[in-house]
Amino acid sequence: MMILVDDGGGAYEKMDHSPWNGCTLADFVMPFFLFIVGVAIALALKRVPRAVDAIRKITIRTLKLIFWGILLQGGYSHAPDDLSYGVDMKHIRWMGILQRIALVYFVVAIIETFTTKLRKTAVLGSGKFAICRCISMAVNDGKRFTVPCGVRGSLGPACNAVGYVDRQIWGINHLYSQPVWIRSKDCTYDSPNAGPLRADAAPWCLAPFEPEGFLSSISAILSGTIGVHYGHVLIHFKLHSERLKHWALMGFALLVCGIILHFTNAIPINKQLYSISYVCFTAGAAGLVLSGFYILIDIWGLRTPFLFLEWIGMNAMLVFVMAAQGIFPAFINGWYYETPNNSLVHWIHKHIFVNVWHSERLGTLLYVIFAEIVFWGVVSGILHKLGIYWKL
């Protein structure tokens, strides 16, 4: 889904991240990933022989994720403007996708390690821990609305506590320099593809903003926590009907909660701020999607049509680095070229897909599906047959 929205979002605006409030297809990627990380943690740590060994493995994996995150999104894998070698440490980006996943994984896994014995008898015990964590995240949201940022309690892009805290911790030079709000109608005349800036555009339109910042990453822990609870249901309940009942009930409850908070304007659904309504809405959707796949694959036995997803999942890190982060296309094109349009990847995109279908949008969508998603599904399947996996 990340490949689809990253490379197809330019042609289909509804796929790309919402400029501010609201939720598009791209906004489901991060919380879905954190949700399934939580499910995996529950399964992996259902038995912890020695806490010391578990903490050591958790810490090492966390550090590896942070290392790869800084390497891929800190600026090391992108060509500087002057095409010189090296990275300007004064402008390196410290936070990013893998760094957020690392933080969520570390906190949730450590909690699971120390609470395993307290929840062995029933899922009810894990539910209590989940409720406690939900309360703590709600308190965090309360702090978010009271941290001073020019206008106390503001949730707008020009002034909000998430951006304020990140500027204080990391410094403005270490934040993401291409915020998605540039596509909003307040900043550009044409929202799709971030057209030219309006003559009356506000100064904040080009201000850096970290979508994977510190405060919002703390809220993101809740997405992983909810996934842990779904994992506990899988472990403790053996009947399909019992698992689906718990999953569907919690999924619908979270979904409705997020919708109510958003449409009453109490707390808008906002990926950039990672608001509590966004957590509830996306986690509820993730729970229902998991339930749907469970019905199709585990109950109805329709595994073959979804094998490519299983293969990609076994080499998720490889596909993320090579495809979603653009390392493989950069390798094919060469790291430096005169213009992005003068490359092999662009030629394939234009002449094999766009020109054949006589549509930029449809050609782009088919290119993403077949030349990227299907391609990496096949590559992952071959690697699976050869027993080759990239694990952290």
Protein backbone atom coordinates (compact mmCIF):
# COMPACT_ATOMS: atom_id res chain seq x y z
CA MET A 1 0.00 0.00 0.00
CA MET A 2 2.93 2.33 0.69
CA ILE A 3 4.27 1.75 -2.83
CA LEU A 4 0.81 2.39 -4.27
CA VAL A 5 0.24 5.69 -2.49
CA ASP A 6 3.83 6.96 -2.81
CA ASP A 7 4.02 6.52 -6.57
CA GLY A 8 0.32 6.70 -7.45
CA GLY A 9 -0.56 9.64 -5.21
CA GLY A 10 0.72 12.14 -7.75
CA ALA A 11 -1.88 10.97 -10.28
CA TYR A 12 -4.71 10.32 -7.83
CA GLU A 13 -4.99 13.01 -5.17
CA LYS A 14 -7.26 10.91 -2.94
CA MET A 15 -4.46 8.36 -2.58
CA ASP A 16 -1.97 10.92 -1.31
CA HIS A 17 -1.77 12.18 2.27
CA SER A 18 -4.45 14.59 3.38
CA PRO A 19 -2.99 18.12 3.46
CA TRP A 20 -4.22 18.51 7.03
CA ASN A 21 -7.49 17.30 8.59
CA GLY A 22 -9.11 14.21 7.07
CA CYS A 23 -7.95 10.75 6.08
CA THR A 24 -6.94 9.37 2.69
CA LEU A 25 -5.58 5.99 1.59
CA ALA A 26 -1.99 7.05 2.30
CA ASP A 27 -2.90 8.02 5.87
CA PHE A 28 -3.74 4.39 6.69
CA VAL A 29 -0.23 3.08 5.92
CA MET A 30 1.62 4.08 9.09
CA PRO A 31 -1.08 3.12 11.65
CA PHE A 32 -1.74 -0.19 9.82
CA PHE A 33 1.95 -1.02 10.04
CA LEU A 34 2.13 -0.11 13.74
CA PHE A 35 -1.05 -2.09 14.41
CA ILE A 36 0.38 -5.28 12.87
CA VAL A 37 3.68 -4.68 14.68
CA GLY A 38 1.66 -4.84 17.89
CA VAL A 39 -0.04 -8.09 16.82
CA ALA A 40 3.37 -9.60 16.02
CA ILE A 41 4.78 -8.50 19.39
CA ALA A 42 1.97 -10.27 21.23
CA LEU A 43 2.70 -13.49 19.32
CA ALA A 44 6.49 -13.23 19.65
CA LEU A 45 6.45 -12.45 23.39
CA LYS A 46 3.66 -14.76 24.53
CA ARG A 47 6.39 -16.67 26.35
CA VAL A 48 9.42 -14.83 27.71
CA PRO A 49 11.87 -17.29 29.34
CA ARG A 50 14.33 -14.58 30.43
CA ALA A 51 13.46 -10.89 30.46
CA VAL A 52 17.13 -9.94 30.09
CA ASP A 53 17.46 -11.83 26.80
CA ALA A 54 14.23 -10.35 25.47
CA ILE A 55 15.28 -6.79 26.37
CA ARG A 56 18.64 -7.29 24.68
CA LYS A 57 17.02 -8.48 21.44
CA ILE A 58 14.44 -5.70 21.55
CA THR A 59 17.12 -3.05 22.08
CA ILE A 60 19.33 -4.34 19.26
CA ARG A 61 16.42 -4.44 16.81
CA THR A 62 15.38 -0.93 17.84
CA LEU A 63 18.87 0.43 17.22
CA LYS A 64 18.97 -1.27 13.81
CA LEU A 65 15.67 0.33 12.83
CA ILE A 66 16.91 3.77 13.91
CA PHE A 67 20.16 3.28 11.98
CA TRP A 68 18.37 2.36 8.76
CA GLY A 69 15.86 5.15 9.27
CA ILE A 70 18.53 7.84 9.53
CA LEU A 71 20.46 6.31 6.63
CA LEU A 72 17.41 6.23 4.34
CA GLN A 73 15.58 9.41 5.33
CA GLY A 74 18.22 11.50 7.04
CA GLY A 75 19.72 12.54 3.72
CA TYR A 76 22.35 9.86 3.08
CA SER A 77 20.43 8.20 0.25
CA HIS A 78 19.60 11.46 -1.56
CA ALA A 79 21.83 13.56 -3.75
CA PRO A 80 22.67 16.97 -2.26
CA ASP A 81 21.74 20.01 -4.35
CA ASP A 82 25.32 20.69 -5.38
CA LEU A 83 25.90 17.01 -6.31
CA SER A 84 28.82 16.85 -3.89
CA TYR A 85 29.48 13.90 -1.62
CA GLY A 86 28.53 13.82 2.01
CA VAL A 87 25.63 14.93 4.17
CA ASP A 88 25.20 18.34 5.77
CA MET A 89 24.90 17.43 9.45
CA LYS A 90 23.36 20.85 10.10
CA HIS A 91 20.31 19.77 8.09
CA ILE A 92 20.13 16.01 8.65
CA ARG A 93 16.63 14.70 9.38
CA TRP A 94 16.66 12.78 12.65
CA MET A 95 13.11 11.43 12.64
CA GLY A 96 11.35 9.35 9.99
CA ILE A 97 9.24 6.28 9.28
CA LEU A 98 11.58 3.62 10.65
CA GLN A 99 12.50 5.77 13.64
CA ARG A 100 8.82 5.99 14.59
CA ILE A 101 8.37 2.26 14.14
CA ALA A 102 11.47 1.73 16.31
CA LEU A 103 10.07 3.89 19.12
CA VAL A 104 6.66 2.21 19.07
CA TYR A 105 8.19 -1.25 18.86
CA PHE A 106 10.58 -0.59 21.74
CA VAL A 107 7.97 0.81 24.15
CA VAL A 108 5.28 -1.77 23.39
CA ALA A 109 7.70 -4.72 23.40
CA ILE A 110 9.27 -3.67 26.71
CA ILE A 111 5.82 -3.35 28.31
CA GLU A 112 4.88 -6.79 26.97
CA THR A 113 8.08 -8.30 28.34
CA PHE A 114 7.38 -7.12 31.89
CA THR A 115 3.62 -7.85 31.88
CA THR A 116 3.58 -11.35 30.38
CA LYS A 117 3.01 -13.10 33.70
CA LEU A 118 0.26 -10.65 34.67
CA ARG A 119 -1.94 -11.54 31.71
CA LYS A 120 -1.46 -15.27 31.21
CA THR A 121 -4.89 -16.32 32.40
CA ALA A 122 -7.22 -14.19 30.31
CA VAL A 123 -7.43 -11.54 27.67
CA LEU A 124 -9.29 -9.42 30.21
CA GLY A 125 -5.97 -8.74 31.89
CA SER A 126 -4.42 -7.52 28.66
CA GLY A 127 -7.50 -5.43 28.08
CA LYS A 128 -6.90 -3.63 31.38
CA PHE A 129 -3.35 -2.85 30.36
CA ALA A 130 -4.63 -1.64 26.99
CA ILE A 131 -7.13 0.65 28.72
CA CYS A 132 -4.37 2.09 30.92
CA ARG A 133 -2.27 2.82 27.87
CA CYS A 134 -5.27 4.38 26.11
CA ILE A 135 -5.75 6.69 29.09
CA SER A 136 -2.08 7.66 29.09
CA MET A 137 -2.26 8.50 25.38
CA ALA A 138 -5.43 10.52 25.95
CA VAL A 139 -3.57 12.48 28.63
CA ASN A 140 -0.83 13.07 26.09
CA ASP A 141 -3.41 14.53 23.73
CA GLY A 142 -4.54 16.81 26.54
CA LYS A 143 -0.99 18.08 26.91
CA ARG A 144 -0.86 18.59 23.16
CA PHE A 145 -3.75 21.03 23.34
CA THR A 146 -2.21 23.02 26.21
CA VAL A 147 1.44 23.34 25.17
CA PRO A 148 1.94 27.01 24.22
CA CYS A 149 2.54 27.72 20.55
CA GLY A 150 1.48 31.27 19.96
CA VAL A 151 -2.19 30.28 20.23
CA ARG A 152 -2.83 27.86 23.09
CA GLY A 153 -4.69 24.77 21.94
CA SER A 154 -4.38 25.51 18.22
CA LEU A 155 -4.66 22.54 15.85
CA GLY A 156 -3.90 24.41 12.64
CA PRO A 157 -0.81 23.92 10.47
CA ALA A 158 0.55 27.38 11.27
CA CYS A 159 0.64 26.77 15.01
CA ASN A 160 0.31 23.51 16.90
CA ALA A 161 2.03 21.80 19.80
CA VAL A 162 3.42 18.96 17.67
CA GLY A 163 5.42 21.33 15.51
CA TYR A 164 6.33 23.49 18.50
CA VAL A 165 7.82 20.57 20.45
CA ASP A 166 9.76 19.28 17.43
CA ARG A 167 11.26 22.71 16.78
CA GLN A 168 12.37 22.87 20.40
CA ILE A 169 13.85 19.35 20.46
CA TRP A 170 15.35 18.90 16.98
CA GLY A 171 15.61 22.42 15.64
CA ILE A 172 13.90 23.71 12.53
CA ASN A 173 16.78 22.65 10.25
CA HIS A 174 16.32 18.97 11.14
CA LEU A 175 12.63 18.69 10.26
CA TYR A 176 10.99 17.41 7.07
CA SER A 177 11.29 20.17 4.49
CA GLN A 178 8.37 19.20 2.21
CA PRO A 179 5.22 19.15 4.38
CA VAL A 180 2.05 17.81 2.76
CA TRP A 181 0.09 20.94 3.60
CA ILE A 182 1.78 22.59 0.58
CA ARG A 183 -1.02 20.96 -1.46
CA SER A 184 -3.78 22.69 0.50
CA LYS A 185 -5.90 25.38 -1.14
CA ASP A 186 -4.54 27.90 1.34
CA CYS A 187 -1.09 27.46 -0.19
CA THR A 188 -1.58 26.64 -3.88
CA TYR A 189 -4.05 27.37 -6.63
CA ASP A 190 -4.10 23.75 -7.73
CA SER A 191 -4.22 21.28 -4.88
CA PRO A 192 -3.15 18.18 -6.91
CA ASN A 193 0.60 17.82 -7.27
CA ALA A 194 1.23 21.01 -5.25
CA GLY A 195 0.84 23.62 -7.97
CA PRO A 196 2.40 27.08 -7.86
CA LEU A 197 2.17 28.95 -4.58
CA ARG A 198 -0.62 31.47 -4.26
CA ALA A 199 0.42 35.09 -4.30
CA ASP A 200 -1.26 35.49 -0.91
CA ALA A 201 0.09 32.19 0.53
CA ALA A 202 0.86 32.30 4.23
CA PRO A 203 4.51 32.06 5.38
CA TRP A 204 3.87 28.71 7.06
CA CYS A 205 3.18 27.08 3.67
CA LEU A 206 6.91 26.49 3.14
CA ALA A 207 7.82 25.99 6.80
CA PRO A 208 9.41 22.63 7.70
CA PHE A 209 7.24 20.20 9.68
CA GLU A 210 8.07 16.71 10.92
CA PRO A 211 5.19 14.26 10.25
CA GLU A 212 7.03 11.61 12.30
CA GLY A 213 7.92 13.93 15.15
CA PHE A 214 8.44 13.29 18.84
CA LEU A 215 5.04 14.15 20.30
CA SER A 216 3.08 12.50 17.51
CA SER A 217 5.25 9.37 17.80
CA ILE A 218 4.27 9.08 21.47
CA SER A 219 0.62 9.05 20.37
CA ALA A 220 1.52 6.44 17.74
CA ILE A 221 2.37 4.00 20.55
CA LEU A 222 -1.37 3.55 21.00
CA SER A 223 -1.69 2.08 17.48
CA GLY A 224 0.80 -0.62 18.44
CA THR A 225 -0.93 -1.17 21.79
CA ILE A 226 -4.28 -1.82 20.13
CA GLY A 227 -2.55 -4.30 17.83
CA VAL A 228 -1.17 -6.08 20.91
CA HIS A 229 -4.70 -6.52 22.20
CA TYR A 230 -5.76 -8.10 18.89
CA GLY A 231 -2.78 -10.44 19.20
CA HIS A 232 -3.89 -11.41 22.71
CA VAL A 233 -7.33 -12.32 21.38
CA LEU A 234 -5.67 -14.55 18.78
CA ILE A 235 -3.63 -16.28 21.47
CA HIS A 236 -6.24 -16.80 24.17
CA PHE A 237 -9.35 -17.55 22.13
CA LYS A 238 -9.33 -20.70 19.98
CA LEU A 239 -12.69 -20.52 18.17
CA HIS A 240 -13.05 -18.48 14.99
CA SER A 241 -16.35 -17.01 16.17
CA GLU A 242 -14.88 -15.81 19.48
CA ARG A 243 -11.90 -14.15 17.82
CA LEU A 244 -14.05 -12.41 15.20
CA LYS A 245 -16.56 -11.25 17.80
CA HIS A 246 -13.89 -9.53 19.88
CA TRP A 247 -12.06 -8.12 16.86
CA ALA A 248 -15.17 -6.82 15.09
CA LEU A 249 -16.69 -5.32 18.24
CA MET A 250 -13.54 -3.42 19.14
CA GLY A 251 -12.93 -2.42 15.51
CA PHE A 252 -16.41 -0.94 15.06
CA ALA A 253 -16.24 0.80 18.45
CA LEU A 254 -12.92 2.46 17.61
CA LEU A 255 -14.10 3.40 14.13
CA VAL A 256 -17.28 5.03 15.43
CA CYS A 257 -15.36 6.81 18.19
CA GLY A 258 -12.95 8.34 15.67
CA ILE A 259 -15.78 9.42 13.36
CA ILE A 260 -17.73 11.07 16.19
CA LEU A 261 -14.68 12.96 17.45
CA HIS A 262 -13.95 14.18 13.92
CA PHE A 263 -17.40 15.26 12.75
CA THR A 264 -18.27 16.95 16.06
CA ASN A 265 -15.03 18.96 15.63
CA ALA A 266 -13.97 17.85 19.10
CA ILE A 267 -10.68 16.38 17.84
CA PRO A 268 -10.27 16.24 14.03
CA ILE A 269 -8.76 13.18 12.34
CA ASN A 270 -5.25 14.35 11.53
CA LYS A 271 -2.30 12.18 10.54
CA GLN A 272 0.28 14.94 10.91
CA LEU A 273 -0.73 15.52 14.54
CA TYR A 274 -1.55 11.81 15.09
CA SER A 275 -4.67 12.87 16.99
CA ILE A 276 -6.58 10.45 19.20
CA SER A 277 -9.46 10.44 16.67
CA TYR A 278 -6.96 9.43 13.98
CA VAL A 279 -5.68 6.61 16.21
CA CYS A 280 -9.20 5.31 16.85
CA PHE A 281 -10.37 5.59 13.23
CA THR A 282 -7.32 3.91 11.67
CA ALA A 283 -6.96 1.25 14.37
CA GLY A 284 -10.63 0.36 14.01
CA ALA A 285 -10.19 0.09 10.25
CA ALA A 286 -7.06 -2.06 10.74
CA GLY A 287 -8.96 -4.39 13.06
CA LEU A 288 -11.77 -4.84 10.55
CA VAL A 289 -9.32 -5.41 7.68
CA LEU A 290 -7.51 -8.04 9.78
CA SER A 291 -10.88 -9.68 10.47
CA GLY A 292 -11.64 -9.69 6.75
CA PHE A 293 -8.35 -11.36 5.84
CA TYR A 294 -8.87 -13.83 8.69
CA ILE A 295 -12.23 -14.85 7.23
CA LEU A 296 -10.90 -15.16 3.68
CA ILE A 297 -7.68 -17.02 4.49
CA ASP A 298 -8.06 -18.85 7.81
CA ILE A 299 -11.76 -19.72 7.63
CA TRP A 300 -12.53 -19.97 3.91
CA GLY A 301 -9.05 -21.22 3.00
CA LEU A 302 -8.44 -18.74 0.15
CA ARG A 303 -4.69 -18.55 0.71
CA THR A 304 -3.38 -18.86 -2.85
CA PRO A 305 -4.69 -15.47 -4.15
CA PHE A 306 -2.90 -13.73 -1.28
CA LEU A 307 0.41 -15.57 -1.38
CA PHE A 308 2.17 -12.56 -2.92
CA LEU A 309 1.27 -10.55 0.20
CA GLU A 310 2.72 -13.29 2.37
CA TRP A 311 5.94 -13.28 0.36
CA ILE A 312 6.26 -9.49 0.53
CA GLY A 313 5.59 -9.65 4.27
CA MET A 314 8.45 -12.11 4.74
CA ASN A 315 10.82 -9.61 3.13
CA ALA A 316 9.10 -6.41 4.16
CA MET A 317 12.32 -4.58 5.01
CA LEU A 318 13.84 -5.40 1.63
CA VAL A 319 10.77 -4.20 -0.29
CA PHE A 320 10.52 -1.07 1.87
CA VAL A 321 14.15 -0.09 1.26
CA MET A 322 14.34 -1.02 -2.41
CA ALA A 323 10.89 0.04 -3.58
CA ALA A 324 9.23 2.44 -1.14
CA GLN A 325 12.46 4.36 -0.50
CA GLY A 326 13.44 4.37 -4.17
CA ILE A 327 16.83 2.66 -3.82
CA PHE A 328 16.23 0.17 -6.66
CA PRO A 329 15.00 2.78 -9.20
CA ALA A 330 17.94 4.99 -8.23
CA PHE A 331 20.29 2.06 -8.86
CA ILE A 332 18.71 1.43 -12.28
CA ASN A 333 18.88 5.09 -13.26
CA GLY A 334 22.20 5.93 -11.70
CA TRP A 335 22.34 8.13 -8.61
CA TYR A 336 22.76 11.32 -10.61
CA TYR A 337 21.22 12.28 -13.93
CA GLU A 338 20.52 15.58 -15.66
CA THR A 339 16.76 15.42 -15.19
CA PRO A 340 14.32 12.87 -13.69
CA ASN A 341 12.67 12.62 -17.12
CA ASN A 342 15.93 11.40 -18.68
CA SER A 343 15.98 7.95 -17.08
CA LEU A 344 15.14 4.33 -17.82
CA VAL A 345 12.38 4.19 -15.22
CA HIS A 346 10.69 7.26 -16.69
CA TRP A 347 10.97 5.78 -20.21
CA ILE A 348 9.26 2.55 -19.08
CA HIS A 349 6.57 4.51 -17.28
CA LYS A 350 5.86 6.76 -20.28
CA HIS A 351 6.23 4.45 -23.31
CA ILE A 352 5.01 1.11 -21.93
CA PHE A 353 2.16 2.34 -19.74
CA VAL A 354 1.12 5.97 -20.26
CA ASN A 355 1.38 6.10 -24.07
CA VAL A 356 -0.27 2.69 -24.52
CA TRP A 357 -3.33 3.65 -22.47
CA HIS A 358 -3.27 7.32 -23.58
CA SER A 359 -3.86 8.39 -20.00
CA GLU A 360 -1.35 9.77 -17.50
CA ARG A 361 -3.45 8.74 -14.50
CA LEU A 362 -4.39 5.23 -15.66
CA GLY A 363 -0.89 4.61 -17.03
CA THR A 364 0.68 5.65 -13.73
CA LEU A 365 -1.68 3.41 -11.76
CA LEU A 366 -0.94 0.39 -13.98
CA TYR A 367 2.79 1.12 -13.80
CA VAL A 368 2.68 1.12 -10.00
CA ILE A 369 0.62 -2.09 -9.88
CA PHE A 370 2.54 -4.16 -12.42
CA ALA A 371 6.03 -2.66 -12.62
CA GLU A 372 6.36 -2.22 -8.86
CA ILE A 373 3.92 -4.15 -6.67
CA VAL A 374 3.64 -7.28 -8.85
CA PHE A 375 7.35 -7.09 -9.64
CA TRP A 376 8.33 -7.07 -5.97
CA GLY A 377 5.77 -9.75 -5.22
CA VAL A 378 7.50 -12.01 -7.76
CA VAL A 379 10.97 -11.10 -6.46
CA SER A 380 9.86 -11.80 -2.88
CA GLY A 381 8.38 -15.13 -3.95
CA ILE A 382 11.66 -16.17 -5.59
CA LEU A 383 13.62 -15.15 -2.50
CA HIS A 384 11.17 -17.11 -0.34
CA LYS A 385 11.72 -20.24 -2.45
CA LEU A 386 15.48 -19.73 -2.04
CA GLY A 387 15.11 -19.18 1.71
CA ILE A 388 16.57 -15.66 1.56
CA TYR A 389 15.16 -13.09 4.00
CA TRP A 390 16.33 -9.72 5.28
CA LYS A 391 15.70 -9.73 9.01
CA LEU A 392 16.67 -7.18 11.63
